[in-house]
Amino acid sequence: DSSAWIDFVRPELAHGFHLKARYLRGPTRQKQARLLQMDSANSALVMLQLYFKNEGSTTALRRIRLAIRKTKDSNSRIGVQNSCVPPEITTLSPGTMSCSMIGVVFNSVSDREDTLQAKLDIKTSRGNHVFDLRPPLVELVQPLPNNTIMSLETFRTEMKTKQGFQRVKTKLNMTGEAL
């Protein structure tokens, strides 16, 4: 139900502040979207679980805030339409952690890698960190609703509309015990 963890802010570069995230999928994505009052059926919605940790040994982190800038579309980027961020973390003592969820709705979906972009600002008592969230295409793929079976005729009709990387044709020869 989720991707591997991705480091957004590494502790050795941020005075012990560590932020990592993972993309949510399937039923977990749907449940968390409902909790944040977002439309889980929207294919332009990306849900992430965030993991904040203070790996510093002496000082508490204070006022950890996350903001997502609304960005406009350009020729090569699709911006953010709507987002839901967690509330501010007032204090994160050394060795402690906190988890939360964010939801980002992009203006549209894309069929190209690196076109979806959200600018995230993280502000703490130890500084500001800015980074781009660029979800991979695989995180936008959604399963068909339960008990939905596409007919062969519908599949063939849809395949006729696909071109380029959306459609790959290859021959596979198998011999011996693999059959």
C-alpha atoms as a PDB file:
ATOM      1  CA  ASP A   1       0.000   0.000   0.000  1.00  0.00           C
ATOM      2  CA  SER A   2       2.985   2.371  -0.090  1.00  0.00           C
ATOM      3  CA  SER A   3       6.257   3.110  -1.829  1.00  0.00           C
ATOM      4  CA  ALA A   4       9.715   2.932  -0.302  1.00  0.00           C
ATOM      5  CA  TRP A   5      10.778   5.778   1.995  1.00  0.00           C
ATOM      6  CA  ILE A   6      12.370   8.778   0.258  1.00  0.00           C
ATOM      7  CA  ASP A   7      14.648  11.196   2.131  1.00  0.00           C
ATOM      8  CA  PHE A   8      13.525  14.803   1.644  1.00  0.00           C
ATOM      9  CA  VAL A   9      15.714  16.426   4.319  1.00  0.00           C
ATOM     10  CA  ARG A  10      18.808  14.599   5.514  1.00  0.00           C
ATOM     11  CA  PRO A  11      19.824  15.062   9.170  1.00  0.00           C
ATOM     12  CA  GLU A  12      23.517  15.646   8.459  1.00  0.00           C
ATOM     13  CA  LEU A  13      22.588  18.688   6.347  1.00  0.00           C
ATOM     14  CA  ALA A  14      19.852  20.088   8.605  1.00  0.00           C
ATOM     15  CA  HIS A  15      21.278  20.097  12.150  1.00  0.00           C
ATOM     16  CA  GLY A  16      19.694  16.739  13.000  1.00  0.00           C
ATOM     17  CA  PHE A  17      16.291  17.374  11.378  1.00  0.00           C
ATOM     18  CA  HIS A  18      15.252  14.354   9.296  1.00  0.00           C
ATOM     19  CA  LEU A  19      12.235  14.276   6.985  1.00  0.00           C
ATOM     20  CA  LYS A  20      11.328  11.315   4.845  1.00  0.00           C
ATOM     21  CA  ALA A  21       8.144  10.409   3.010  1.00  0.00           C
ATOM     22  CA  ARG A  22       6.460   7.644   1.102  1.00  0.00           C
ATOM     23  CA  TYR A  23       3.642   7.637  -1.416  1.00  0.00           C
ATOM     24  CA  LEU A  24       0.418   5.936  -0.334  1.00  0.00           C
ATOM     25  CA  ARG A  25      -1.450   3.591  -2.654  1.00  0.00           C
ATOM     26  CA  GLY A  26      -4.650   1.553  -2.800  1.00  0.00           C
ATOM     27  CA  PRO A  27      -6.942   1.313   0.244  1.00  0.00           C
ATOM     28  CA  THR A  28      -4.493   3.235   2.460  1.00  0.00           C
ATOM     29  CA  ARG A  29      -4.496   6.153   0.009  1.00  0.00           C
ATOM     30  CA  GLN A  30      -8.300   6.101  -0.128  1.00  0.00           C
ATOM     31  CA  LYS A  31      -8.691   6.025   3.658  1.00  0.00           C
ATOM     32  CA  GLN A  32      -6.209   8.847   4.281  1.00  0.00           C
ATOM     33  CA  ALA A  33      -7.768  10.956   1.506  1.00  0.00           C
ATOM     34  CA  ARG A  34     -11.176  10.578   3.177  1.00  0.00           C
ATOM     35  CA  LEU A  35      -9.688  11.595   6.545  1.00  0.00           C
ATOM     36  CA  LEU A  36      -8.261  14.745   4.921  1.00  0.00           C
ATOM     37  CA  GLN A  37     -11.616  15.321   3.162  1.00  0.00           C
ATOM     38  CA  MET A  38     -10.094  14.924  -0.290  1.00  0.00           C
ATOM     39  CA  ASP A  39     -11.540  13.054  -3.274  1.00  0.00           C
ATOM     40  CA  SER A  40      -9.740   9.703  -3.446  1.00  0.00           C
ATOM     41  CA  ALA A  41     -11.229   9.049  -6.911  1.00  0.00           C
ATOM     42  CA  ASN A  42      -9.291  12.014  -8.325  1.00  0.00           C
ATOM     43  CA  SER A  43      -6.369  10.582 -10.302  1.00  0.00           C
ATOM     44  CA  ALA A  44      -4.437  13.868  -9.894  1.00  0.00           C
ATOM     45  CA  LEU A  45      -4.346  13.356  -6.095  1.00  0.00           C
ATOM     46  CA  VAL A  46      -1.072  12.256  -4.534  1.00  0.00           C
ATOM     47  CA  MET A  47      -1.011  11.212  -0.868  1.00  0.00           C
ATOM     48  CA  LEU A  48       2.185  11.054   1.182  1.00  0.00           C
ATOM     49  CA  GLN A  49       2.985   9.852   4.671  1.00  0.00           C
ATOM     50  CA  LEU A  50       5.604  12.084   6.314  1.00  0.00           C
ATOM     51  CA  TYR A  51       8.069  11.041   9.010  1.00  0.00           C
ATOM     52  CA  PHE A  52       9.682  13.876  10.991  1.00  0.00           C
ATOM     53  CA  LYS A  53      12.519  13.020  13.376  1.00  0.00           C
ATOM     54  CA  ASN A  54      14.915  15.038  15.496  1.00  0.00           C
ATOM     55  CA  GLU A  55      18.177  13.121  15.291  1.00  0.00           C
ATOM     56  CA  GLY A  56      20.080  15.874  17.076  1.00  0.00           C
ATOM     57  CA  SER A  57      21.483  15.018  20.475  1.00  0.00           C
ATOM     58  CA  THR A  58      20.946  18.183  22.494  1.00  0.00           C
ATOM     59  CA  THR A  59      18.385  20.692  21.218  1.00  0.00           C
ATOM     60  CA  ALA A  60      14.666  20.381  20.572  1.00  0.00           C
ATOM     61  CA  LEU A  61      13.281  21.425  17.199  1.00  0.00           C
ATOM     62  CA  ARG A  62      10.519  23.987  17.451  1.00  0.00           C
ATOM     63  CA  ARG A  63       7.749  25.223  15.183  1.00  0.00           C
ATOM     64  CA  ILE A  64       8.025  22.739  12.320  1.00  0.00           C
ATOM     65  CA  ARG A  65       5.701  24.000   9.584  1.00  0.00           C
ATOM     66  CA  LEU A  66       5.074  22.659   6.100  1.00  0.00           C
ATOM     67  CA  ALA A  67       3.644  24.808   3.316  1.00  0.00           C
ATOM     68  CA  ILE A  68       2.908  23.902  -0.286  1.00  0.00           C
ATOM     69  CA  ARG A  69       3.076  26.757  -2.739  1.00  0.00           C
ATOM     70  CA  LYS A  70       0.286  26.918  -5.297  1.00  0.00           C
ATOM     71  CA  THR A  71       2.032  26.906  -8.643  1.00  0.00           C
ATOM     72  CA  LYS A  72       0.713  27.597 -12.097  1.00  0.00           C
ATOM     73  CA  ASP A  73       1.116  25.409 -15.121  1.00  0.00           C
ATOM     74  CA  SER A  74       3.884  26.182 -17.586  1.00  0.00           C
ATOM     75  CA  ASN A  75       4.974  24.575 -20.844  1.00  0.00           C
ATOM     76  CA  SER A  76       6.840  21.811 -19.044  1.00  0.00           C
ATOM     77  CA  ARG A  77       5.255  21.679 -15.554  1.00  0.00           C
ATOM     78  CA  ILE A  78       1.822  20.938 -14.115  1.00  0.00           C
ATOM     79  CA  GLY A  79       1.177  22.904 -10.939  1.00  0.00           C
ATOM     80  CA  VAL A  80      -0.791  22.395  -7.735  1.00  0.00           C
ATOM     81  CA  GLN A  81      -4.524  22.987  -7.616  1.00  0.00           C
ATOM     82  CA  ASN A  82      -5.171  22.158  -3.959  1.00  0.00           C
ATOM     83  CA  SER A  83      -3.355  20.699  -0.968  1.00  0.00           C
ATOM     84  CA  CYS A  84      -3.847  19.671   2.630  1.00  0.00           C
ATOM     85  CA  VAL A  85      -0.874  19.973   4.988  1.00  0.00           C
ATOM     86  CA  PRO A  86      -0.495  18.819   8.605  1.00  0.00           C
ATOM     87  CA  PRO A  87      -0.674  21.254  11.521  1.00  0.00           C
ATOM     88  CA  GLU A  88       2.482  22.768  12.946  1.00  0.00           C
ATOM     89  CA  ILE A  89       4.588  20.560  15.218  1.00  0.00           C
ATOM     90  CA  THR A  90       5.345  22.804  18.190  1.00  0.00           C
ATOM     91  CA  THR A  91       8.250  20.826  19.682  1.00  0.00           C
ATOM     92  CA  LEU A  92      10.230  17.774  18.621  1.00  0.00           C
ATOM     93  CA  SER A  93      12.628  16.728  21.384  1.00  0.00           C
ATOM     94  CA  PRO A  94      15.934  14.988  20.571  1.00  0.00           C
ATOM     95  CA  GLY A  95      15.357  11.370  19.524  1.00  0.00           C
ATOM     96  CA  THR A  96      11.602  11.782  19.032  1.00  0.00           C
ATOM     97  CA  MET A  97       9.562  11.517  15.857  1.00  0.00           C
ATOM     98  CA  SER A  98       6.168  12.424  14.461  1.00  0.00           C
ATOM     99  CA  CYS A  99       4.174  11.101  11.493  1.00  0.00           C
ATOM    100  CA  SER A 100       1.532  12.890   9.439  1.00  0.00           C
ATOM    101  CA  MET A 101      -0.131  12.880   6.021  1.00  0.00           C
ATOM    102  CA  ILE A 102      -0.315  15.379   3.195  1.00  0.00           C
ATOM    103  CA  GLY A 103      -2.469  15.401   0.097  1.00  0.00           C
ATOM    104  CA  VAL A 104      -1.623  17.275  -3.103  1.00  0.00           C
ATOM    105  CA  VAL A 105      -4.037  17.674  -6.006  1.00  0.00           C
ATOM    106  CA  PHE A 106      -2.360  18.657  -9.264  1.00  0.00           C
ATOM    107  CA  ASN A 107      -4.129  20.670 -11.974  1.00  0.00           C
ATOM    108  CA  SER A 108      -4.175  17.608 -14.235  1.00  0.00           C
ATOM    109  CA  VAL A 109      -2.484  14.259 -14.711  1.00  0.00           C
ATOM    110  CA  SER A 110       0.357  13.674 -17.116  1.00  0.00           C
ATOM    111  CA  ASP A 111       1.799  10.953 -19.282  1.00  0.00           C
ATOM    112  CA  ARG A 112       5.371  12.245 -18.957  1.00  0.00           C
ATOM    113  CA  GLU A 113       7.871  11.838 -16.140  1.00  0.00           C
ATOM    114  CA  ASP A 114       8.838  14.925 -14.071  1.00  0.00           C
ATOM    115  CA  THR A 115       5.995  17.146 -15.247  1.00  0.00           C
ATOM    116  CA  LEU A 116       4.032  17.235 -11.978  1.00  0.00           C
ATOM    117  CA  GLN A 117       5.684  19.645  -9.575  1.00  0.00           C
ATOM    118  CA  ALA A 118       4.862  20.996  -6.130  1.00  0.00           C
ATOM    119  CA  LYS A 119       7.155  23.359  -4.232  1.00  0.00           C
ATOM    120  CA  LEU A 120       7.331  22.507  -0.525  1.00  0.00           C
ATOM    121  CA  ASP A 121       8.667  24.804   2.189  1.00  0.00           C
ATOM    122  CA  ILE A 122       9.623  23.359   5.552  1.00  0.00           C
ATOM    123  CA  LYS A 123      10.365  25.880   8.274  1.00  0.00           C
ATOM    124  CA  THR A 124      11.873  24.968  11.631  1.00  0.00           C
ATOM    125  CA  SER A 125      13.663  26.759  14.445  1.00  0.00           C
ATOM    126  CA  ARG A 126      16.913  25.660  12.768  1.00  0.00           C
ATOM    127  CA  GLY A 127      16.240  26.965   9.280  1.00  0.00           C
ATOM    128  CA  ASN A 128      14.202  26.662   6.128  1.00  0.00           C
ATOM    129  CA  HIS A 129      14.275  23.841   3.606  1.00  0.00           C
ATOM    130  CA  VAL A 130      12.747  24.128   0.138  1.00  0.00           C
ATOM    131  CA  PHE A 131      12.375  21.246  -2.288  1.00  0.00           C
ATOM    132  CA  ASP A 132      10.362  20.102  -5.264  1.00  0.00           C
ATOM    133  CA  LEU A 133       7.928  17.236  -4.983  1.00  0.00           C
ATOM    134  CA  ARG A 134       7.807  15.488  -8.365  1.00  0.00           C
ATOM    135  CA  PRO A 135       5.790  12.291  -8.096  1.00  0.00           C
ATOM    136  CA  PRO A 136       6.770   9.552 -10.544  1.00  0.00           C
ATOM    137  CA  LEU A 137       4.166   8.423 -13.042  1.00  0.00           C
ATOM    138  CA  VAL A 138       3.730   5.084 -11.293  1.00  0.00           C
ATOM    139  CA  GLU A 139       2.184   6.896  -8.306  1.00  0.00           C
ATOM    140  CA  LEU A 140      -0.658   8.160 -10.517  1.00  0.00           C
ATOM    141  CA  VAL A 141      -1.741   4.727 -11.727  1.00  0.00           C
ATOM    142  CA  GLN A 142      -4.978   3.721 -10.033  1.00  0.00           C
ATOM    143  CA  PRO A 143      -6.594   0.275 -10.003  1.00  0.00           C
ATOM    144  CA  LEU A 144      -9.989  -0.281 -11.546  1.00  0.00           C
ATOM    145  CA  PRO A 145     -12.859  -0.099  -9.034  1.00  0.00           C
ATOM    146  CA  ASN A 146     -13.748  -3.358  -7.256  1.00  0.00           C
ATOM    147  CA  ASN A 147     -15.365  -6.047  -9.378  1.00  0.00           C
ATOM    148  CA  THR A 148     -14.800  -4.078 -12.587  1.00  0.00           C
ATOM    149  CA  ILE A 149     -13.803  -6.221 -15.526  1.00  0.00           C
ATOM    150  CA  MET A 150     -13.016  -4.649 -18.862  1.00  0.00           C
ATOM    151  CA  SER A 151     -14.445  -6.527 -21.822  1.00  0.00           C
ATOM    152  CA  LEU A 152     -12.106  -7.688 -24.568  1.00  0.00           C
ATOM    153  CA  GLU A 153     -13.878  -5.405 -27.038  1.00  0.00           C
ATOM    154  CA  THR A 154     -13.370  -2.356 -24.777  1.00  0.00           C
ATOM    155  CA  PHE A 155      -9.726  -3.303 -24.264  1.00  0.00           C
ATOM    156  CA  ARG A 156      -9.131  -3.541 -28.023  1.00  0.00           C
ATOM    157  CA  THR A 157     -10.891  -0.225 -28.626  1.00  0.00           C
ATOM    158  CA  GLU A 158      -8.741   1.470 -25.985  1.00  0.00           C
ATOM    159  CA  MET A 159      -5.542  -0.099 -27.345  1.00  0.00           C
ATOM    160  CA  LYS A 160      -6.245   1.408 -30.791  1.00  0.00           C
ATOM    161  CA  THR A 161      -6.059   4.884 -29.239  1.00  0.00           C
ATOM    162  CA  LYS A 162      -2.636   4.324 -27.617  1.00  0.00           C
ATOM    163  CA  GLN A 163       0.634   5.376 -29.209  1.00  0.00           C
ATOM    164  CA  GLY A 164       4.288   5.737 -28.265  1.00  0.00           C
ATOM    165  CA  PHE A 165       5.375   4.529 -24.863  1.00  0.00           C
ATOM    166  CA  GLN A 166       1.751   3.843 -23.913  1.00  0.00           C
ATOM    167  CA  ARG A 167       1.840   0.852 -26.220  1.00  0.00           C
ATOM    168  CA  VAL A 168       4.704  -1.616 -26.407  1.00  0.00           C
ATOM    169  CA  LYS A 169       4.611  -4.679 -28.602  1.00  0.00           C
ATOM    170  CA  THR A 170       7.141  -7.495 -28.309  1.00  0.00           C
ATOM    171  CA  LYS A 171       7.493 -11.176 -29.154  1.00  0.00           C
ATOM    172  CA  LEU A 172       8.368 -13.713 -26.511  1.00  0.00           C
ATOM    173  CA  ASN A 173       9.670 -17.161 -27.400  1.00  0.00           C
ATOM    174  CA  MET A 174       9.702 -19.811 -24.706  1.00  0.00           C
ATOM    175  CA  THR A 175      10.942 -23.350 -24.996  1.00  0.00           C
ATOM    176  CA  GLY A 176      11.594 -26.281 -22.768  1.00  0.00           C
ATOM    177  CA  GLU A 177      10.389 -26.593 -19.186  1.00  0.00           C
ATOM    178  CA  ALA A 178       9.329 -22.966 -18.902  1.00  0.00           C
ATOM    179  CA  LEU A 179       6.129 -23.907 -20.702  1.00  0.00           C
END
